[in-house]
Amino acid sequence: MTAFFCYDYMNGMVVGILLPLVGTALGAACVFLMKKSIPETQAGVHSNMGTIGFSLGFALMMTLDVLLG
């Protein structure tokens, strides 16, 4: 009985730690790919606006995907 409890406890800890790390890595990869694949968005005075717009659009799309199922 205690072995299963210990396994469930450790499993919850690992999932709780890994999910934010994986999400952060995915976000960094998306921003990096956006900056490298569309270099025209990085030209000019307001070079971060394209990246910010892409990130906000992606976050909105993922939120709607979760909410609407």
C-alpha atoms as a PDB file:
ATOM      1  CA  MET A   1       0.000   0.000   0.000  1.00  0.00           C
ATOM      2  CA  THR A   2       2.740   2.471   0.857  1.00  0.00           C
ATOM      3  CA  ALA A   3       4.611   1.677  -2.342  1.00  0.00           C
ATOM      4  CA  PHE A   4       1.646   2.780  -4.453  1.00  0.00           C
ATOM      5  CA  PHE A   5       1.212   5.927  -2.359  1.00  0.00           C
ATOM      6  CA  CYS A   6       4.899   6.779  -2.765  1.00  0.00           C
ATOM      7  CA  TYR A   7       4.693   6.171  -6.520  1.00  0.00           C
ATOM      8  CA  ASP A   8       1.614   8.388  -6.870  1.00  0.00           C
ATOM      9  CA  TYR A   9       3.212  11.126  -4.782  1.00  0.00           C
ATOM     10  CA  MET A  10       6.450  11.078  -6.789  1.00  0.00           C
ATOM     11  CA  ASN A  11       4.535  10.925 -10.068  1.00  0.00           C
ATOM     12  CA  GLY A  12       2.570  14.038  -9.109  1.00  0.00           C
ATOM     13  CA  MET A  13       5.751  15.882  -8.172  1.00  0.00           C
ATOM     14  CA  VAL A  14       7.472  15.003 -11.447  1.00  0.00           C
ATOM     15  CA  VAL A  15       4.467  16.023 -13.533  1.00  0.00           C
ATOM     16  CA  GLY A  16       4.114  19.244 -11.537  1.00  0.00           C
ATOM     17  CA  ILE A  17       7.739  20.150 -12.207  1.00  0.00           C
ATOM     18  CA  LEU A  18       8.041  19.000 -15.813  1.00  0.00           C
ATOM     19  CA  LEU A  19       4.892  20.561 -17.280  1.00  0.00           C
ATOM     20  CA  PRO A  20       5.939  24.198 -16.709  1.00  0.00           C
ATOM     21  CA  LEU A  21       9.460  23.432 -17.936  1.00  0.00           C
ATOM     22  CA  VAL A  22       8.191  21.796 -21.119  1.00  0.00           C
ATOM     23  CA  GLY A  23       5.769  24.663 -21.689  1.00  0.00           C
ATOM     24  CA  THR A  24       8.559  27.211 -21.288  1.00  0.00           C
ATOM     25  CA  ALA A  25      10.773  25.318 -23.713  1.00  0.00           C
ATOM     26  CA  LEU A  26       7.950  25.133 -26.251  1.00  0.00           C
ATOM     27  CA  GLY A  27       7.305  28.862 -25.941  1.00  0.00           C
ATOM     28  CA  ALA A  28      10.971  29.658 -26.450  1.00  0.00           C
ATOM     29  CA  ALA A  29      11.101  27.370 -29.487  1.00  0.00           C
ATOM     30  CA  CYS A  30       8.036  29.055 -31.021  1.00  0.00           C
ATOM     31  CA  VAL A  31       9.496  32.540 -30.586  1.00  0.00           C
ATOM     32  CA  PHE A  32      12.862  31.412 -31.976  1.00  0.00           C
ATOM     33  CA  LEU A  33      11.262  29.807 -35.037  1.00  0.00           C
ATOM     34  CA  MET A  34       9.105  32.862 -35.607  1.00  0.00           C
ATOM     35  CA  LYS A  35      12.130  35.175 -35.507  1.00  0.00           C
ATOM     36  CA  LYS A  36      14.194  32.987 -37.851  1.00  0.00           C
ATOM     37  CA  SER A  37      11.506  31.922 -40.325  1.00  0.00           C
ATOM     38  CA  ILE A  38       9.980  35.371 -40.881  1.00  0.00           C
ATOM     39  CA  PRO A  39      12.912  37.823 -40.781  1.00  0.00           C
ATOM     40  CA  GLU A  40      10.838  40.698 -42.217  1.00  0.00           C
ATOM     41  CA  THR A  41       9.033  40.979 -38.888  1.00  0.00           C
ATOM     42  CA  GLN A  42      12.331  41.755 -37.154  1.00  0.00           C
ATOM     43  CA  ALA A  43      13.267  44.723 -39.351  1.00  0.00           C
ATOM     44  CA  GLY A  44      12.641  48.329 -38.425  1.00  0.00           C
ATOM     45  CA  VAL A  45      12.108  50.309 -35.260  1.00  0.00           C
ATOM     46  CA  HIS A  46       9.285  48.199 -33.797  1.00  0.00           C
ATOM     47  CA  SER A  47      10.943  44.845 -34.330  1.00  0.00           C
ATOM     48  CA  ASN A  48       9.354  43.139 -31.319  1.00  0.00           C
ATOM     49  CA  MET A  49       5.766  43.862 -32.335  1.00  0.00           C
ATOM     50  CA  GLY A  50       5.648  40.896 -34.728  1.00  0.00           C
ATOM     51  CA  THR A  51       6.917  38.514 -32.058  1.00  0.00           C
ATOM     52  CA  ILE A  52       4.529  39.891 -29.447  1.00  0.00           C
ATOM     53  CA  GLY A  53       1.601  39.633 -31.866  1.00  0.00           C
ATOM     54  CA  PHE A  54       2.508  36.072 -32.778  1.00  0.00           C
ATOM     55  CA  SER A  55       2.838  35.108 -29.102  1.00  0.00           C
ATOM     56  CA  LEU A  56      -0.489  36.688 -28.139  1.00  0.00           C
ATOM     57  CA  GLY A  57      -2.247  35.066 -31.085  1.00  0.00           C
ATOM     58  CA  PHE A  58      -0.787  31.676 -30.237  1.00  0.00           C
ATOM     59  CA  ALA A  59      -1.796  32.036 -26.570  1.00  0.00           C
ATOM     60  CA  LEU A  60      -5.324  33.045 -27.578  1.00  0.00           C
ATOM     61  CA  MET A  61      -5.579  30.105 -29.968  1.00  0.00           C
ATOM     62  CA  MET A  62      -4.422  27.640 -27.284  1.00  0.00           C
ATOM     63  CA  THR A  63      -6.824  29.144 -24.711  1.00  0.00           C
ATOM     64  CA  LEU A  64      -9.763  28.810 -27.077  1.00  0.00           C
ATOM     65  CA  ASP A  65      -8.707  25.264 -27.889  1.00  0.00           C
ATOM     66  CA  VAL A  66      -8.767  24.310 -24.208  1.00  0.00           C
ATOM     67  CA  LEU A  67     -12.005  26.154 -23.431  1.00  0.00           C
ATOM     68  CA  LEU A  68     -13.968  24.933 -26.443  1.00  0.00           C
ATOM     69  CA  GLY A  69     -12.572  21.423 -26.319  1.00  0.00           C
END
